[in-house]
Amino acid sequence: MYFSGTGNSAYVAKRIGKEIGNESLNLFEKIRNCDYSYLTSDKPWVIVVPAYAWRIPRIVHEWLMKTKLGGNRDIYFVMTCGDSNGDAGKYLKKLCIAKGMNYKGCKSIIMPENYIALFKTPDKNEALAIIEQSEQIISDTAQYIRNNLAFPEPHVTFKDKFNSSLVNDIFIHYLFILKNFMLQMLVFPVENVKISVHLEIFNLKMGSQTGERIAPIAWHVFVDVQKMLLNMARIVKVW
């Protein structure tokens, strides 16, 4: 099963599915429609998702918690990312305990970065080189699953723990606030409103500006907050 925002996870899921002889199920419609109907499989479950702020997407986590998975109790996680998945395994282990499933590990597969709001994206040649390097890793990952072997435990650094905990929580918190804020501004005309942002103290304040809708401003704020989080993550490299 896979959830993919830009195609990386879909590609990896289909490659793994082909090698282990499994069909790939796109979770997009199930998540969008709040479809938590019972699923069953005789083979181990494989979940392929992108890394969102060094953990699996919250909407996938929520869907997994609400959906009963019958049959085989083993479950593998594969995360596509531009750098690493941080300490995502810690939270996936908790999820598996809550669902009574056997955690078989979490594998990172480096794919071309395409989150343009926060990271520098590779050019075409760089992207092709990254995909080529990933092919063997995808095949090795499929072999672990085919042989019912747990993925090797990755080395987790302080930076990984920091990114998957504090940075993730801040990212999700401000993503939620700004997403709803932008949607409201797109729906309702706003006058005499301005947003001023004090990033150093994570504080949003309202000021005044006549005759303008502030959705474009909110979008730039959203980008700036994400860049700030990236800088926070970089700081811990020197610790």
Protein backbone atom coordinates (compact mmCIF):
# COMPACT_ATOMS: atom_id res chain seq x y z
CA MET A 1 0.00 0.00 0.00
CA TYR A 2 1.25 3.48 -0.73
CA PHE A 3 0.48 7.13 -0.35
CA SER A 4 2.26 9.43 -2.77
CA GLY A 5 2.04 13.18 -3.20
CA THR A 6 4.45 13.62 -6.10
CA GLY A 7 5.08 10.13 -7.50
CA ASN A 8 8.25 9.01 -5.72
CA SER A 9 6.49 6.68 -3.30
CA ALA A 10 4.19 5.37 -6.02
CA TYR A 11 7.20 4.45 -8.13
CA VAL A 12 8.97 2.68 -5.25
CA ALA A 13 5.80 0.85 -4.19
CA LYS A 14 5.14 -0.46 -7.69
CA ARG A 15 8.77 -1.54 -8.10
CA ILE A 16 8.69 -3.44 -4.81
CA GLY A 17 5.28 -4.91 -5.60
CA LYS A 18 6.55 -6.21 -8.93
CA GLU A 19 9.59 -7.85 -7.34
CA ILE A 20 7.67 -9.57 -4.53
CA GLY A 21 4.63 -10.42 -6.64
CA ASN A 22 2.14 -8.17 -4.82
CA GLU A 23 -0.40 -5.71 -6.15
CA SER A 24 -0.01 -2.07 -5.12
CA LEU A 25 -2.92 -0.26 -3.50
CA ASN A 26 -3.06 3.53 -3.71
CA LEU A 27 -4.36 4.85 -0.38
CA PHE A 28 -5.25 8.30 -1.67
CA GLU A 29 -8.94 7.61 -2.28
CA LYS A 30 -9.35 5.67 0.95
CA ILE A 31 -7.82 8.49 2.98
CA ARG A 32 -9.74 11.22 1.16
CA ASN A 33 -13.04 9.37 1.58
CA CYS A 34 -12.35 8.40 5.21
CA ASP A 35 -12.67 4.76 4.15
CA TYR A 36 -11.54 2.65 7.12
CA SER A 37 -13.07 -0.59 5.91
CA TYR A 38 -11.48 -3.91 6.85
CA LEU A 39 -8.51 -5.13 4.79
CA THR A 40 -6.81 -8.49 4.89
CA SER A 41 -3.63 -10.03 3.44
CA ASP A 42 -1.95 -13.41 3.69
CA LYS A 43 1.40 -11.76 2.97
CA PRO A 44 3.24 -9.18 5.12
CA TRP A 45 1.91 -5.64 4.86
CA VAL A 46 4.15 -3.10 3.15
CA ILE A 47 3.48 0.61 3.61
CA VAL A 48 5.33 3.00 1.26
CA VAL A 49 5.04 6.71 2.05
CA PRO A 50 7.03 9.93 1.75
CA ALA A 51 8.78 11.39 4.78
CA TYR A 52 6.88 14.45 6.02
CA ALA A 53 9.11 16.34 8.44
CA TRP A 54 11.02 13.13 9.26
CA ARG A 55 7.98 10.95 10.03
CA ILE A 56 5.22 9.30 8.04
CA PRO A 57 2.40 11.68 7.04
CA ARG A 58 -0.03 12.22 9.92
CA ILE A 59 -3.00 11.43 7.67
CA VAL A 60 -1.49 8.01 6.88
CA HIS A 61 -0.78 7.39 10.56
CA GLU A 62 -4.38 8.24 11.40
CA TRP A 63 -5.72 6.02 8.61
CA LEU A 64 -3.62 3.08 9.79
CA MET A 65 -4.79 3.52 13.37
CA LYS A 66 -8.45 3.49 12.30
CA THR A 67 -8.26 0.68 9.73
CA LYS A 68 -8.31 -2.95 10.84
CA LEU A 69 -5.68 -5.00 9.01
CA GLY A 70 -6.41 -8.70 9.15
CA GLY A 71 -4.45 -11.78 8.21
CA ASN A 72 -0.68 -11.48 8.34
CA ARG A 73 0.58 -9.55 11.39
CA ASP A 74 3.97 -8.50 9.95
CA ILE A 75 4.30 -4.97 8.61
CA TYR A 76 7.15 -3.20 6.80
CA PHE A 77 7.52 0.53 6.29
CA VAL A 78 9.39 2.12 3.37
CA MET A 79 9.86 5.88 3.33
CA THR A 80 11.02 7.93 0.36
CA CYS A 81 12.96 11.04 1.28
CA GLY A 82 15.49 13.54 0.05
CA ASP A 83 17.84 13.03 2.99
CA SER A 84 16.66 10.74 5.82
CA ASN A 85 13.55 9.70 7.73
CA GLY A 86 15.04 10.79 11.05
CA ASP A 87 13.77 8.75 13.99
CA ALA A 88 10.52 7.76 12.30
CA GLY A 89 10.96 4.15 13.39
CA LYS A 90 10.38 5.08 17.04
CA TYR A 91 6.86 6.28 16.28
CA LEU A 92 6.13 3.42 13.89
CA LYS A 93 6.99 0.92 16.60
CA LYS A 94 4.44 2.59 18.87
CA LEU A 95 1.86 2.42 16.10
CA CYS A 96 2.50 -1.31 15.62
CA ILE A 97 2.21 -2.00 19.34
CA ALA A 98 -1.12 -0.16 19.41
CA LYS A 99 -2.39 -2.27 16.48
CA GLY A 100 -0.95 -5.56 17.71
CA MET A 101 1.29 -5.93 14.66
CA ASN A 102 4.89 -7.07 14.25
CA TYR A 103 7.13 -4.17 13.27
CA LYS A 104 9.59 -5.38 10.62
CA GLY A 105 11.50 -2.13 10.27
CA CYS A 106 11.57 1.11 8.36
CA LYS A 107 13.72 1.56 5.27
CA SER A 108 14.74 4.93 3.81
CA ILE A 109 15.04 5.24 0.04
CA ILE A 110 16.61 8.44 -1.24
CA MET A 111 14.67 9.88 -4.17
CA PRO A 112 14.84 13.23 -5.98
CA GLU A 113 13.77 16.06 -3.68
CA ASN A 114 10.65 17.76 -5.01
CA TYR A 115 9.41 19.81 -2.07
CA ILE A 116 10.23 23.18 -3.60
CA ALA A 117 8.93 25.23 -0.69
CA LEU A 118 11.66 23.98 1.60
CA PHE A 119 14.47 22.28 -0.30
CA LYS A 120 16.57 22.86 -3.39
CA THR A 121 15.44 20.46 -6.08
CA PRO A 122 17.89 18.63 -8.37
CA ASP A 123 18.05 19.26 -12.09
CA LYS A 124 17.08 16.54 -14.58
CA ASN A 125 20.52 14.88 -14.71
CA GLU A 126 20.89 14.92 -10.93
CA ALA A 127 17.42 13.45 -10.51
CA LEU A 128 18.15 10.64 -12.97
CA ALA A 129 21.39 9.85 -11.13
CA ILE A 130 19.56 9.68 -7.79
CA ILE A 131 16.92 7.35 -9.25
CA GLU A 132 19.59 5.13 -10.77
CA GLN A 133 21.34 4.84 -7.40
CA SER A 134 18.06 3.98 -5.73
CA GLU A 135 17.30 1.03 -8.00
CA GLN A 136 19.61 -1.41 -6.19
CA ILE A 137 18.37 -0.22 -2.80
CA ILE A 138 14.78 -0.84 -3.91
CA SER A 139 15.71 -4.35 -5.07
CA ASP A 140 17.53 -5.06 -1.78
CA THR A 141 14.50 -3.80 0.14
CA ALA A 142 12.22 -6.11 -1.84
CA GLN A 143 14.53 -9.04 -1.10
CA TYR A 144 14.24 -8.45 2.67
CA ILE A 145 10.45 -8.48 2.36
CA ARG A 146 10.40 -11.52 0.07
CA ASN A 147 12.54 -13.45 2.57
CA ASN A 148 10.48 -12.20 5.53
CA LEU A 149 13.55 -10.64 7.13
CA ALA A 150 13.41 -7.52 9.28
CA PHE A 151 15.11 -4.42 7.91
CA PRO A 152 18.40 -3.59 9.67
CA GLU A 153 17.97 -1.00 12.41
CA PRO A 154 19.43 2.35 11.30
CA HIS A 155 21.81 4.40 13.41
CA VAL A 156 19.77 7.20 14.98
CA THR A 157 21.54 10.43 15.88
CA PHE A 158 20.51 13.27 18.16
CA LYS A 159 19.69 15.28 15.04
CA ASP A 160 17.34 12.50 13.88
CA LYS A 161 15.53 12.48 17.22
CA PHE A 162 15.29 16.27 17.22
CA ASN A 163 13.89 16.39 13.67
CA SER A 164 11.28 13.68 14.24
CA SER A 165 10.09 15.13 17.55
CA LEU A 166 10.28 18.89 18.13
CA VAL A 167 10.74 19.98 14.51
CA ASN A 168 7.99 17.65 13.32
CA ASP A 169 5.56 18.87 15.98
CA ILE A 170 6.25 22.53 15.15
CA PHE A 171 6.00 21.85 11.43
CA ILE A 172 2.65 20.08 11.73
CA HIS A 173 1.30 22.69 14.15
CA TYR A 174 2.08 25.64 11.91
CA LEU A 175 1.13 23.77 8.76
CA PHE A 176 -2.34 23.24 10.23
CA ILE A 177 -2.70 26.86 11.36
CA LEU A 178 -1.52 28.37 8.10
CA LYS A 179 -3.47 25.93 5.93
CA ASN A 180 -6.73 26.89 7.63
CA PHE A 181 -5.78 30.54 7.69
CA MET A 182 -5.10 30.56 3.94
CA LEU A 183 -8.34 28.71 3.16
CA GLN A 184 -10.33 31.29 5.11
CA MET A 185 -8.64 34.14 3.30
CA LEU A 186 -9.37 32.54 -0.08
CA VAL A 187 -13.04 32.17 0.77
CA PHE A 188 -13.74 35.48 2.52
CA PRO A 189 -12.68 38.92 1.18
CA VAL A 190 -10.65 40.64 3.86
CA GLU A 191 -10.06 44.35 4.26
CA ASN A 192 -7.94 46.23 6.76
CA VAL A 193 -5.97 43.09 7.52
CA LYS A 194 -2.27 42.40 7.45
CA ILE A 195 -0.25 39.57 8.88
CA SER A 196 3.02 40.30 10.60
CA VAL A 197 5.17 37.38 11.62
CA HIS A 198 7.69 37.17 14.43
CA LEU A 199 9.39 33.90 13.52
CA GLU A 200 11.92 34.08 16.34
CA ILE A 201 9.15 33.60 18.92
CA PHE A 202 6.73 31.61 16.74
CA ASN A 203 4.05 34.25 17.04
CA LEU A 204 1.39 35.46 14.59
CA LYS A 205 -0.12 38.95 14.96
CA MET A 206 -2.70 40.85 13.02
CA GLY A 207 -2.13 44.41 11.78
CA SER A 208 -3.85 46.46 9.08
CA GLN A 209 -3.62 46.88 5.35
CA THR A 210 -6.48 48.24 3.24
CA GLY A 211 -8.08 46.57 0.24
CA GLU A 212 -5.91 43.45 -0.14
CA ARG A 213 -6.59 39.78 0.31
CA ILE A 214 -3.83 38.23 2.34
CA ALA A 215 -3.70 34.68 0.98
CA PRO A 216 -0.49 35.42 -1.01
CA ILE A 217 1.10 36.88 2.12
CA ALA A 218 0.08 33.84 4.14
CA TRP A 219 1.69 31.58 1.55
CA HIS A 220 5.01 33.43 1.88
CA VAL A 221 4.73 33.17 5.64
CA PHE A 222 4.16 29.44 5.28
CA VAL A 223 7.34 29.12 3.20
CA ASP A 224 9.34 31.25 5.64
CA VAL A 225 8.24 29.14 8.60
CA GLN A 226 9.32 25.98 6.80
CA LYS A 227 12.70 27.49 5.96
CA MET A 228 13.08 28.43 9.60
CA LEU A 229 12.43 24.82 10.62
CA LEU A 230 15.07 23.65 8.16
CA ASN A 231 17.58 26.07 9.67
CA MET A 232 16.71 24.73 13.13
CA ALA A 233 17.44 21.22 11.91
CA ARG A 234 20.78 22.33 10.47
CA ILE A 235 21.84 23.89 13.75
CA VAL A 236 21.91 20.54 15.51
CA LYS A 237 24.55 19.27 13.13
CA VAL A 238 27.17 21.06 15.19
CA TRP A 239 25.95 19.54 18.48
